ModelCIF file with pLDDT and N, C-alpha, C, O atoms, coordinates in Angstrom:
data_MODEL
#
_entry.id   MODEL 
#
_entity.id                         1 
_entity.type                       polymer 
_entity.pdbx_number_of_molecules   1 
#
_entity_poly.entity_id                      1 
_entity_poly.type                           'polypeptide(L)' 
_entity_poly.nstd_linkage                   no 
_entity_poly.nstd_monomer                   no 
_entity_poly.pdbx_seq_one_letter_code       KLIACDMSKKWTDIGRKFWDEAGIGGKIEVRLGSGKDSVDTLVKEG 
_entity_poly.pdbx_seq_one_letter_code_can   KLIACDMSKKWTDIGRKFWDEAGIGGKIEVRLGSGKDSVDTLVKEG 
_entity_poly.pdbx_strand_id                 A 
#
loop_
_entity_poly_seq.entity_id 
_entity_poly_seq.num 
_entity_poly_seq.mon_id 
_entity_poly_seq.hetero 
1 1  LYS n 
1 2  LEU n 
1 3  ILE n 
1 4  ALA n 
1 5  CYS n 
1 6  ASP n 
1 7  MET n 
1 8  SER n 
1 9  LYS n 
1 10 LYS n 
1 11 TRP n 
1 12 THR n 
1 13 ASP n 
1 14 ILE n 
1 15 GLY n 
1 16 ARG n 
1 17 LYS n 
1 18 PHE n 
1 19 TRP n 
1 20 ASP n 
1 21 GLU n 
1 22 ALA n 
1 23 GLY n 
1 24 ILE n 
1 25 GLY n 
1 26 GLY n 
1 27 LYS n 
1 28 ILE n 
1 29 GLU n 
1 30 VAL n 
1 31 ARG n 
1 32 LEU n 
1 33 GLY n 
1 34 SER n 
1 35 GLY n 
1 36 LYS n 
1 37 ASP n 
1 38 SER n 
1 39 VAL n 
1 40 ASP n 
1 41 THR n 
1 42 LEU n 
1 43 VAL n 
1 44 LYS n 
1 45 GLU n 
1 46 GLY n 
#
_struct_asym.id          A 
_struct_asym.entity_id   1 
#
loop_
_ma_qa_metric.id 
_ma_qa_metric.mode 
_ma_qa_metric.name 
_ma_qa_metric.software_group_id 
_ma_qa_metric.type 
1 global pLDDT . pLDDT 
2 local  pLDDT . pLDDT 
#
_ma_qa_metric_global.metric_id      1 
_ma_qa_metric_global.metric_value   97.76 
_ma_qa_metric_global.model_id       1 
_ma_qa_metric_global.ordinal_id     1 
#
loop_
_ma_qa_metric_local.label_asym_id 
_ma_qa_metric_local.label_comp_id 
_ma_qa_metric_local.label_seq_id 
_ma_qa_metric_local.metric_id 
_ma_qa_metric_local.metric_value 
_ma_qa_metric_local.model_id 
_ma_qa_metric_local.ordinal_id 
A LYS 1  2 98.00 1 1  
A LEU 2  2 98.00 1 2  
A ILE 3  2 98.00 1 3  
A ALA 4  2 98.00 1 4  
A CYS 5  2 98.00 1 5  
A ASP 6  2 98.00 1 6  
A MET 7  2 97.00 1 7  
A SER 8  2 97.00 1 8  
A LYS 9  2 97.00 1 9  
A LYS 10 2 96.00 1 10 
A TRP 11 2 97.00 1 11 
A THR 12 2 98.00 1 12 
A ASP 13 2 98.00 1 13 
A ILE 14 2 97.00 1 14 
A GLY 15 2 98.00 1 15 
A ARG 16 2 98.00 1 16 
A LYS 17 2 97.00 1 17 
A PHE 18 2 98.00 1 18 
A TRP 19 2 98.00 1 19 
A ASP 20 2 98.00 1 20 
A GLU 21 2 98.00 1 21 
A ALA 22 2 98.00 1 22 
A GLY 23 2 98.00 1 23 
A ILE 24 2 98.00 1 24 
A GLY 25 2 98.00 1 25 
A GLY 26 2 98.00 1 26 
A LYS 27 2 98.00 1 27 
A ILE 28 2 98.00 1 28 
A GLU 29 2 98.00 1 29 
A VAL 30 2 98.00 1 30 
A ARG 31 2 98.00 1 31 
A LEU 32 2 98.00 1 32 
A GLY 33 2 98.00 1 33 
A SER 34 2 97.00 1 34 
A GLY 35 2 97.00 1 35 
A LYS 36 2 98.00 1 36 
A ASP 37 2 98.00 1 37 
A SER 38 2 98.00 1 38 
A VAL 39 2 98.00 1 39 
A ASP 40 2 98.00 1 40 
A THR 41 2 98.00 1 41 
A LEU 42 2 98.00 1 42 
A VAL 43 2 98.00 1 43 
A LYS 44 2 98.00 1 44 
A GLU 45 2 98.00 1 45 
A GLY 46 2 97.00 1 46 
#
loop_
_atom_site.group_PDB 
_atom_site.id 
_atom_site.type_symbol 
_atom_site.label_atom_id 
_atom_site.label_alt_id 
_atom_site.label_comp_id 
_atom_site.label_asym_id 
_atom_site.label_entity_id 
_atom_site.label_seq_id 
_atom_site.pdbx_PDB_ins_code 
_atom_site.Cartn_x 
_atom_site.Cartn_y 
_atom_site.Cartn_z 
_atom_site.occupancy 
_atom_site.B_iso_or_equiv 
_atom_site.pdbx_formal_charge 
_atom_site.auth_seq_id 
_atom_site.auth_comp_id 
_atom_site.auth_asym_id 
_atom_site.auth_atom_id 
_atom_site.pdbx_PDB_model_num 
ATOM 1   N N  . LYS A 1 1  ? 19.494 -59.473 0.313   1.00 98.00 ? 1  LYS A N  1 
ATOM 2   C CA . LYS A 1 1  ? 20.352 -58.868 -0.729  1.00 98.00 ? 1  LYS A CA 1 
ATOM 3   C C  . LYS A 1 1  ? 19.843 -57.477 -1.027  1.00 98.00 ? 1  LYS A C  1 
ATOM 4   O O  . LYS A 1 1  ? 18.636 -57.238 -1.016  1.00 98.00 ? 1  LYS A O  1 
ATOM 5   N N  . LEU A 1 2  ? 20.735 -56.575 -1.286  1.00 98.00 ? 2  LEU A N  1 
ATOM 6   C CA . LEU A 1 2  ? 20.439 -55.209 -1.686  1.00 98.00 ? 2  LEU A CA 1 
ATOM 7   C C  . LEU A 1 2  ? 21.100 -54.859 -2.994  1.00 98.00 ? 2  LEU A C  1 
ATOM 8   O O  . LEU A 1 2  ? 22.317 -54.985 -3.125  1.00 98.00 ? 2  LEU A O  1 
ATOM 9   N N  . ILE A 1 3  ? 20.329 -54.425 -3.959  1.00 98.00 ? 3  ILE A N  1 
ATOM 10  C CA . ILE A 1 3  ? 20.897 -54.002 -5.218  1.00 98.00 ? 3  ILE A CA 1 
ATOM 11  C C  . ILE A 1 3  ? 20.968 -52.500 -5.167  1.00 98.00 ? 3  ILE A C  1 
ATOM 12  O O  . ILE A 1 3  ? 19.964 -51.813 -4.979  1.00 98.00 ? 3  ILE A O  1 
ATOM 13  N N  . ALA A 1 4  ? 22.256 -51.971 -5.350  1.00 98.00 ? 4  ALA A N  1 
ATOM 14  C CA . ALA A 1 4  ? 22.498 -50.566 -5.248  1.00 98.00 ? 4  ALA A CA 1 
ATOM 15  C C  . ALA A 1 4  ? 22.821 -49.992 -6.668  1.00 98.00 ? 4  ALA A C  1 
ATOM 16  O O  . ALA A 1 4  ? 23.781 -50.403 -7.321  1.00 98.00 ? 4  ALA A O  1 
ATOM 17  N N  . CYS A 1 5  ? 22.011 -49.070 -7.084  1.00 98.00 ? 5  CYS A N  1 
ATOM 18  C CA . CYS A 1 5  ? 22.184 -48.475 -8.420  1.00 98.00 ? 5  CYS A CA 1 
ATOM 19  C C  . CYS A 1 5  ? 22.766 -47.038 -8.303  1.00 98.00 ? 5  CYS A C  1 
ATOM 20  O O  . CYS A 1 5  ? 22.231 -46.189 -7.590  1.00 98.00 ? 5  CYS A O  1 
ATOM 21  N N  . ASP A 1 6  ? 23.856 -46.812 -9.016  1.00 98.00 ? 6  ASP A N  1 
ATOM 22  C CA . ASP A 1 6  ? 24.437 -45.461 -9.003  1.00 98.00 ? 6  ASP A CA 1 
ATOM 23  C C  . ASP A 1 6  ? 25.220 -45.297 -10.299 1.00 98.00 ? 6  ASP A C  1 
ATOM 24  O O  . ASP A 1 6  ? 25.557 -46.264 -10.982 1.00 98.00 ? 6  ASP A O  1 
ATOM 25  N N  . MET A 1 7  ? 25.504 -43.992 -10.619 1.00 97.00 ? 7  MET A N  1 
ATOM 26  C CA . MET A 1 7  ? 26.256 -43.602 -11.782 1.00 97.00 ? 7  MET A CA 1 
ATOM 27  C C  . MET A 1 7  ? 27.788 -43.750 -11.564 1.00 97.00 ? 7  MET A C  1 
ATOM 28  O O  . MET A 1 7  ? 28.548 -43.946 -12.512 1.00 97.00 ? 7  MET A O  1 
ATOM 29  N N  . SER A 1 8  ? 28.210 -43.648 -10.275 1.00 97.00 ? 8  SER A N  1 
ATOM 30  C CA . SER A 1 8  ? 29.629 -43.412 -9.986  1.00 97.00 ? 8  SER A CA 1 
ATOM 31  C C  . SER A 1 8  ? 30.332 -44.587 -9.381  1.00 97.00 ? 8  SER A C  1 
ATOM 32  O O  . SER A 1 8  ? 30.019 -44.993 -8.261  1.00 97.00 ? 8  SER A O  1 
ATOM 33  N N  . LYS A 1 9  ? 31.264 -45.135 -10.089 1.00 97.00 ? 9  LYS A N  1 
ATOM 34  C CA . LYS A 1 9  ? 32.144 -46.213 -9.487  1.00 97.00 ? 9  LYS A CA 1 
ATOM 35  C C  . LYS A 1 9  ? 32.961 -45.685 -8.385  1.00 97.00 ? 9  LYS A C  1 
ATOM 36  O O  . LYS A 1 9  ? 33.175 -46.364 -7.380  1.00 97.00 ? 9  LYS A O  1 
ATOM 37  N N  . LYS A 1 10 ? 33.448 -44.437 -8.547  1.00 96.00 ? 10 LYS A N  1 
ATOM 38  C CA . LYS A 1 10 ? 34.326 -43.811 -7.564  1.00 96.00 ? 10 LYS A CA 1 
ATOM 39  C C  . LYS A 1 10 ? 33.573 -43.740 -6.186  1.00 96.00 ? 10 LYS A C  1 
ATOM 40  O O  . LYS A 1 10 ? 34.151 -44.080 -5.154  1.00 96.00 ? 10 LYS A O  1 
ATOM 41  N N  . TRP A 1 11 ? 32.350 -43.321 -6.185  1.00 97.00 ? 11 TRP A N  1 
ATOM 42  C CA . TRP A 1 11 ? 31.599 -43.231 -4.932  1.00 97.00 ? 11 TRP A CA 1 
ATOM 43  C C  . TRP A 1 11 ? 31.233 -44.601 -4.320  1.00 97.00 ? 11 TRP A C  1 
ATOM 44  O O  . TRP A 1 11 ? 31.380 -44.857 -3.125  1.00 97.00 ? 11 TRP A O  1 
ATOM 45  N N  . THR A 1 12 ? 30.754 -45.441 -5.216  1.00 98.00 ? 12 THR A N  1 
ATOM 46  C CA . THR A 1 12 ? 30.372 -46.764 -4.678  1.00 98.00 ? 12 THR A CA 1 
ATOM 47  C C  . THR A 1 12 ? 31.644 -47.594 -4.222  1.00 98.00 ? 12 THR A C  1 
ATOM 48  O O  . THR A 1 12 ? 31.541 -48.460 -3.354  1.00 98.00 ? 12 THR A O  1 
ATOM 49  N N  . ASP A 1 13 ? 32.788 -47.311 -4.813  1.00 98.00 ? 13 ASP A N  1 
ATOM 50  C CA . ASP A 1 13 ? 33.998 -48.007 -4.338  1.00 98.00 ? 13 ASP A CA 1 
ATOM 51  C C  . ASP A 1 13 ? 34.347 -47.595 -2.932  1.00 98.00 ? 13 ASP A C  1 
ATOM 52  O O  . ASP A 1 13 ? 34.876 -48.394 -2.159  1.00 98.00 ? 13 ASP A O  1 
ATOM 53  N N  . ILE A 1 14 ? 34.048 -46.326 -2.584  1.00 97.00 ? 14 ILE A N  1 
ATOM 54  C CA . ILE A 1 14 ? 34.243 -45.885 -1.211  1.00 97.00 ? 14 ILE A CA 1 
ATOM 55  C C  . ILE A 1 14 ? 33.401 -46.734 -0.294  1.00 97.00 ? 14 ILE A C  1 
ATOM 56  O O  . ILE A 1 14 ? 33.885 -47.243 0.717   1.00 97.00 ? 14 ILE A O  1 
ATOM 57  N N  . GLY A 1 15 ? 32.091 -46.892 -0.660  1.00 98.00 ? 15 GLY A N  1 
ATOM 58  C CA . GLY A 1 15 ? 31.215 -47.669 0.151   1.00 98.00 ? 15 GLY A CA 1 
ATOM 59  C C  . GLY A 1 15 ? 31.660 -49.129 0.201   1.00 98.00 ? 15 GLY A C  1 
ATOM 60  O O  . GLY A 1 15 ? 31.566 -49.746 1.262   1.00 98.00 ? 15 GLY A O  1 
ATOM 61  N N  . ARG A 1 16 ? 32.132 -49.696 -0.880  1.00 98.00 ? 16 ARG A N  1 
ATOM 62  C CA . ARG A 1 16 ? 32.490 -51.084 -0.878  1.00 98.00 ? 16 ARG A CA 1 
ATOM 63  C C  . ARG A 1 16 ? 33.522 -51.430 0.218   1.00 98.00 ? 16 ARG A C  1 
ATOM 64  O O  . ARG A 1 16 ? 33.435 -52.471 0.870   1.00 98.00 ? 16 ARG A O  1 
ATOM 65  N N  . LYS A 1 17 ? 34.484 -50.536 0.392   1.00 97.00 ? 17 LYS A N  1 
ATOM 66  C CA . LYS A 1 17 ? 35.492 -50.737 1.413   1.00 97.00 ? 17 LYS A CA 1 
ATOM 67  C C  . LYS A 1 17 ? 34.845 -50.881 2.805   1.00 97.00 ? 17 LYS A C  1 
ATOM 68  O O  . LYS A 1 17 ? 35.264 -51.727 3.595   1.00 97.00 ? 17 LYS A O  1 
ATOM 69  N N  . PHE A 1 18 ? 33.871 -50.094 3.091   1.00 98.00 ? 18 PHE A N  1 
ATOM 70  C CA . PHE A 1 18 ? 33.223 -50.160 4.401   1.00 98.00 ? 18 PHE A CA 1 
ATOM 71  C C  . PHE A 1 18 ? 32.248 -51.296 4.515   1.00 98.00 ? 18 PHE A C  1 
ATOM 72  O O  . PHE A 1 18 ? 32.084 -51.882 5.585   1.00 98.00 ? 18 PHE A O  1 
ATOM 73  N N  . TRP A 1 19 ? 31.571 -51.623 3.364   1.00 98.00 ? 19 TRP A N  1 
ATOM 74  C CA . TRP A 1 19 ? 30.633 -52.765 3.423   1.00 98.00 ? 19 TRP A CA 1 
ATOM 75  C C  . TRP A 1 19 ? 31.406 -54.042 3.703   1.00 98.00 ? 19 TRP A C  1 
ATOM 76  O O  . TRP A 1 19 ? 30.957 -54.893 4.471   1.00 98.00 ? 19 TRP A O  1 
ATOM 77  N N  . ASP A 1 20 ? 32.583 -54.175 3.070   1.00 98.00 ? 20 ASP A N  1 
ATOM 78  C CA . ASP A 1 20 ? 33.371 -55.355 3.356   1.00 98.00 ? 20 ASP A CA 1 
ATOM 79  C C  . ASP A 1 20 ? 33.877 -55.366 4.786   1.00 98.00 ? 20 ASP A C  1 
ATOM 80  O O  . ASP A 1 20 ? 33.927 -56.419 5.421   1.00 98.00 ? 20 ASP A O  1 
ATOM 81  N N  . GLU A 1 21 ? 34.235 -54.253 5.271   1.00 98.00 ? 21 GLU A N  1 
ATOM 82  C CA . GLU A 1 21 ? 34.731 -54.176 6.669   1.00 98.00 ? 21 GLU A CA 1 
ATOM 83  C C  . GLU A 1 21 ? 33.617 -54.600 7.633   1.00 98.00 ? 21 GLU A C  1 
ATOM 84  O O  . GLU A 1 21 ? 33.890 -55.250 8.643   1.00 98.00 ? 21 GLU A O  1 
ATOM 85  N N  . ALA A 1 22 ? 32.403 -54.249 7.339   1.00 98.00 ? 22 ALA A N  1 
ATOM 86  C CA . ALA A 1 22 ? 31.233 -54.558 8.166   1.00 98.00 ? 22 ALA A CA 1 
ATOM 87  C C  . ALA A 1 22 ? 30.777 -56.003 8.016   1.00 98.00 ? 22 ALA A C  1 
ATOM 88  O O  . ALA A 1 22 ? 29.913 -56.475 8.755   1.00 98.00 ? 22 ALA A O  1 
ATOM 89  N N  . GLY A 1 23 ? 31.369 -56.697 7.053   1.00 98.00 ? 23 GLY A N  1 
ATOM 90  C CA . GLY A 1 23 ? 31.023 -58.091 6.804   1.00 98.00 ? 23 GLY A CA 1 
ATOM 91  C C  . GLY A 1 23 ? 29.751 -58.316 6.088   1.00 98.00 ? 23 GLY A C  1 
ATOM 92  O O  . GLY A 1 23 ? 29.203 -59.417 6.145   1.00 98.00 ? 23 GLY A O  1 
ATOM 93  N N  . ILE A 1 24 ? 29.229 -57.285 5.386   1.00 98.00 ? 24 ILE A N  1 
ATOM 94  C CA . ILE A 1 24 ? 27.969 -57.434 4.639   1.00 98.00 ? 24 ILE A CA 1 
ATOM 95  C C  . ILE A 1 24 ? 28.177 -57.129 3.180   1.00 98.00 ? 24 ILE A C  1 
ATOM 96  O O  . ILE A 1 24 ? 27.197 -56.971 2.451   1.00 98.00 ? 24 ILE A O  1 
ATOM 97  N N  . GLY A 1 25 ? 29.411 -57.038 2.716   1.00 98.00 ? 25 GLY A N  1 
ATOM 98  C CA . GLY A 1 25 ? 29.704 -56.791 1.329   1.00 98.00 ? 25 GLY A CA 1 
ATOM 99  C C  . GLY A 1 25 ? 29.033 -57.739 0.382   1.00 98.00 ? 25 GLY A C  1 
ATOM 100 O O  . GLY A 1 25 ? 28.636 -57.352 -0.717  1.00 98.00 ? 25 GLY A O  1 
ATOM 101 N N  . GLY A 1 26 ? 28.894 -59.045 0.816   1.00 98.00 ? 26 GLY A N  1 
ATOM 102 C CA . GLY A 1 26 ? 28.298 -60.055 -0.022  1.00 98.00 ? 26 GLY A CA 1 
ATOM 103 C C  . GLY A 1 26 ? 26.835 -59.890 -0.246  1.00 98.00 ? 26 GLY A C  1 
ATOM 104 O O  . GLY A 1 26 ? 26.274 -60.475 -1.173  1.00 98.00 ? 26 GLY A O  1 
ATOM 105 N N  . LYS A 1 27 ? 26.159 -59.053 0.639   1.00 98.00 ? 27 LYS A N  1 
ATOM 106 C CA . LYS A 1 27 ? 24.768 -58.768 0.493   1.00 98.00 ? 27 LYS A CA 1 
ATOM 107 C C  . LYS A 1 27 ? 24.423 -57.701 -0.545  1.00 98.00 ? 27 LYS A C  1 
ATOM 108 O O  . LYS A 1 27 ? 23.278 -57.574 -0.980  1.00 98.00 ? 27 LYS A O  1 
ATOM 109 N N  . ILE A 1 28 ? 25.464 -56.929 -0.932  1.00 98.00 ? 28 ILE A N  1 
ATOM 110 C CA . ILE A 1 28 ? 25.206 -55.770 -1.791  1.00 98.00 ? 28 ILE A CA 1 
ATOM 111 C C  . ILE A 1 28 ? 25.767 -55.997 -3.154  1.00 98.00 ? 28 ILE A C  1 
ATOM 112 O O  . ILE A 1 28 ? 26.930 -56.361 -3.325  1.00 98.00 ? 28 ILE A O  1 
ATOM 113 N N  . GLU A 1 29 ? 24.884 -55.768 -4.162  1.00 98.00 ? 29 GLU A N  1 
ATOM 114 C CA . GLU A 1 29 ? 25.313 -55.864 -5.587  1.00 98.00 ? 29 GLU A CA 1 
ATOM 115 C C  . GLU A 1 29 ? 25.170 -54.473 -6.178  1.00 98.00 ? 29 GLU A C  1 
ATOM 116 O O  . GLU A 1 29 ? 24.102 -53.867 -6.090  1.00 98.00 ? 29 GLU A O  1 
ATOM 117 N N  . VAL A 1 30 ? 26.189 -53.983 -6.754  1.00 98.00 ? 30 VAL A N  1 
ATOM 118 C CA . VAL A 1 30 ? 26.182 -52.631 -7.384  1.00 98.00 ? 30 VAL A CA 1 
ATOM 119 C C  . VAL A 1 30 ? 25.891 -52.754 -8.844  1.00 98.00 ? 30 VAL A C  1 
ATOM 120 O O  . VAL A 1 30 ? 26.474 -53.561 -9.568  1.00 98.00 ? 30 VAL A O  1 
ATOM 121 N N  . ARG A 1 31 ? 24.949 -51.907 -9.257  1.00 98.00 ? 31 ARG A N  1 
ATOM 122 C CA . ARG A 1 31 ? 24.660 -51.771 -10.735 1.00 98.00 ? 31 ARG A CA 1 
ATOM 123 C C  . ARG A 1 31 ? 25.001 -50.346 -11.115 1.00 98.00 ? 31 ARG A C  1 
ATOM 124 O O  . ARG A 1 31 ? 24.354 -49.384 -10.703 1.00 98.00 ? 31 ARG A O  1 
ATOM 125 N N  . LEU A 1 32 ? 26.076 -50.253 -11.945 1.00 98.00 ? 32 LEU A N  1 
ATOM 126 C CA . LEU A 1 32 ? 26.549 -48.943 -12.392 1.00 98.00 ? 32 LEU A CA 1 
ATOM 127 C C  . LEU A 1 32 ? 25.855 -48.541 -13.681 1.00 98.00 ? 32 LEU A C  1 
ATOM 128 O O  . LEU A 1 32 ? 25.573 -49.371 -14.545 1.00 98.00 ? 32 LEU A O  1 
ATOM 129 N N  . GLY A 1 33 ? 25.586 -47.234 -13.786 1.00 98.00 ? 33 GLY A N  1 
ATOM 130 C CA . GLY A 1 33 ? 24.950 -46.725 -15.067 1.00 98.00 ? 33 GLY A CA 1 
ATOM 131 C C  . GLY A 1 33 ? 23.802 -45.753 -14.640 1.00 98.00 ? 33 GLY A C  1 
ATOM 132 O O  . GLY A 1 33 ? 23.577 -45.499 -13.457 1.00 98.00 ? 33 GLY A O  1 
ATOM 133 N N  . SER A 1 34 ? 23.147 -45.268 -15.601 1.00 97.00 ? 34 SER A N  1 
ATOM 134 C CA . SER A 1 34 ? 22.020 -44.353 -15.352 1.00 97.00 ? 34 SER A CA 1 
ATOM 135 C C  . SER A 1 34 ? 20.983 -45.100 -14.553 1.00 97.00 ? 34 SER A C  1 
ATOM 136 O O  . SER A 1 34 ? 20.843 -46.313 -14.707 1.00 97.00 ? 34 SER A O  1 
ATOM 137 N N  . GLY A 1 35 ? 20.251 -44.406 -13.703 1.00 97.00 ? 35 GLY A N  1 
ATOM 138 C CA . GLY A 1 35 ? 19.170 -45.051 -12.903 1.00 97.00 ? 35 GLY A CA 1 
ATOM 139 C C  . GLY A 1 35 ? 18.121 -45.621 -13.816 1.00 97.00 ? 35 GLY A C  1 
ATOM 140 O O  . GLY A 1 35 ? 17.616 -46.716 -13.568 1.00 97.00 ? 35 GLY A O  1 
ATOM 141 N N  . LYS A 1 36 ? 17.788 -44.924 -14.843 1.00 98.00 ? 36 LYS A N  1 
ATOM 142 C CA . LYS A 1 36 ? 16.734 -45.366 -15.749 1.00 98.00 ? 36 LYS A CA 1 
ATOM 143 C C  . LYS A 1 36 ? 17.163 -46.622 -16.457 1.00 98.00 ? 36 LYS A C  1 
ATOM 144 O O  . LYS A 1 36 ? 16.345 -47.529 -16.613 1.00 98.00 ? 36 LYS A O  1 
ATOM 145 N N  . ASP A 1 37 ? 18.359 -46.723 -16.880 1.00 98.00 ? 37 ASP A N  1 
ATOM 146 C CA . ASP A 1 37 ? 18.871 -47.949 -17.565 1.00 98.00 ? 37 ASP A CA 1 
ATOM 147 C C  . ASP A 1 37 ? 18.856 -49.116 -16.539 1.00 98.00 ? 37 ASP A C  1 
ATOM 148 O O  . ASP A 1 37 ? 18.474 -50.241 -16.864 1.00 98.00 ? 37 ASP A O  1 
ATOM 149 N N  . SER A 1 38 ? 19.271 -48.819 -15.327 1.00 98.00 ? 38 SER A N  1 
ATOM 150 C CA . SER A 1 38 ? 19.327 -49.880 -14.307 1.00 98.00 ? 38 SER A CA 1 
ATOM 151 C C  . SER A 1 38 ? 17.962 -50.481 -13.998 1.00 98.00 ? 38 SER A C  1 
ATOM 152 O O  . SER A 1 38 ? 17.778 -51.698 -13.966 1.00 98.00 ? 38 SER A O  1 
ATOM 153 N N  . VAL A 1 39 ? 17.032 -49.593 -13.778 1.00 98.00 ? 39 VAL A N  1 
ATOM 154 C CA . VAL A 1 39 ? 15.673 -50.118 -13.450 1.00 98.00 ? 39 VAL A CA 1 
ATOM 155 C C  . VAL A 1 39 ? 15.037 -50.803 -14.625 1.00 98.00 ? 39 VAL A C  1 
ATOM 156 O O  . VAL A 1 39 ? 14.328 -51.794 -14.454 1.00 98.00 ? 39 VAL A O  1 
ATOM 157 N N  . ASP A 1 40 ? 15.275 -50.296 -15.820 1.00 98.00 ? 40 ASP A N  1 
ATOM 158 C CA . ASP A 1 40 ? 14.736 -50.983 -17.045 1.00 98.00 ? 40 ASP A CA 1 
ATOM 159 C C  . ASP A 1 40 ? 15.296 -52.352 -17.187 1.00 98.00 ? 40 ASP A C  1 
ATOM 160 O O  . ASP A 1 40 ? 14.575 -53.282 -17.550 1.00 98.00 ? 40 ASP A O  1 
ATOM 161 N N  . THR A 1 41 ? 16.605 -52.516 -16.902 1.00 98.00 ? 41 THR A N  1 
ATOM 162 C CA . THR A 1 41 ? 17.193 -53.858 -16.916 1.00 98.00 ? 41 THR A CA 1 
ATOM 163 C C  . THR A 1 41 ? 16.634 -54.771 -15.870 1.00 98.00 ? 41 THR A C  1 
ATOM 164 O O  . THR A 1 41 ? 16.421 -55.958 -16.118 1.00 98.00 ? 41 THR A O  1 
ATOM 165 N N  . LEU A 1 42 ? 16.393 -54.226 -14.696 1.00 98.00 ? 42 LEU A N  1 
ATOM 166 C CA . LEU A 1 42 ? 15.776 -55.106 -13.644 1.00 98.00 ? 42 LEU A CA 1 
ATOM 167 C C  . LEU A 1 42 ? 14.390 -55.500 -13.958 1.00 98.00 ? 42 LEU A C  1 
ATOM 168 O O  . LEU A 1 42 ? 13.982 -56.616 -13.636 1.00 98.00 ? 42 LEU A O  1 
ATOM 169 N N  . VAL A 1 43 ? 13.629 -54.628 -14.579 1.00 98.00 ? 43 VAL A N  1 
ATOM 170 C CA . VAL A 1 43 ? 12.283 -54.979 -15.021 1.00 98.00 ? 43 VAL A CA 1 
ATOM 171 C C  . VAL A 1 43 ? 12.317 -56.118 -16.052 1.00 98.00 ? 43 VAL A C  1 
ATOM 172 O O  . VAL A 1 43 ? 11.536 -57.066 -15.985 1.00 98.00 ? 43 VAL A O  1 
ATOM 173 N N  . LYS A 1 44 ? 13.244 -55.990 -17.000 1.00 98.00 ? 44 LYS A N  1 
ATOM 174 C CA . LYS A 1 44 ? 13.447 -57.034 -17.983 1.00 98.00 ? 44 LYS A CA 1 
ATOM 175 C C  . LYS A 1 44 ? 13.814 -58.352 -17.364 1.00 98.00 ? 44 LYS A C  1 
ATOM 176 O O  . LYS A 1 44 ? 13.377 -59.411 -17.817 1.00 98.00 ? 44 LYS A O  1 
ATOM 177 N N  . GLU A 1 45 ? 14.617 -58.287 -16.327 1.00 98.00 ? 45 GLU A N  1 
ATOM 178 C CA . GLU A 1 45 ? 15.084 -59.469 -15.646 1.00 98.00 ? 45 GLU A CA 1 
ATOM 179 C C  . GLU A 1 45 ? 13.999 -60.130 -14.794 1.00 98.00 ? 45 GLU A C  1 
ATOM 180 O O  . GLU A 1 45 ? 14.167 -61.263 -14.343 1.00 98.00 ? 45 GLU A O  1 
ATOM 181 N N  . GLY A 1 46 ? 12.921 -59.445 -14.581 1.00 97.00 ? 46 GLY A N  1 
ATOM 182 C CA . GLY A 1 46 ? 11.841 -59.945 -13.742 1.00 97.00 ? 46 GLY A CA 1 
ATOM 183 C C  . GLY A 1 46 ? 12.160 -60.037 -12.258 1.00 97.00 ? 46 GLY A C  1 
ATOM 184 O O  . GLY A 1 46 ? 11.310 -60.448 -11.468 1.00 97.00 ? 46 GLY A O  1 
#
């Protein structure tokens, strides 16, 4: 599994199209928002 953190849904949606085409879309989870907020949440989640 890969957790991908980015601010832009527009940009990651471009990637999602190709991830699905490659058959690995299920391996990637996108976390949208500021990088600091995303890593803080992941730390809290353990």
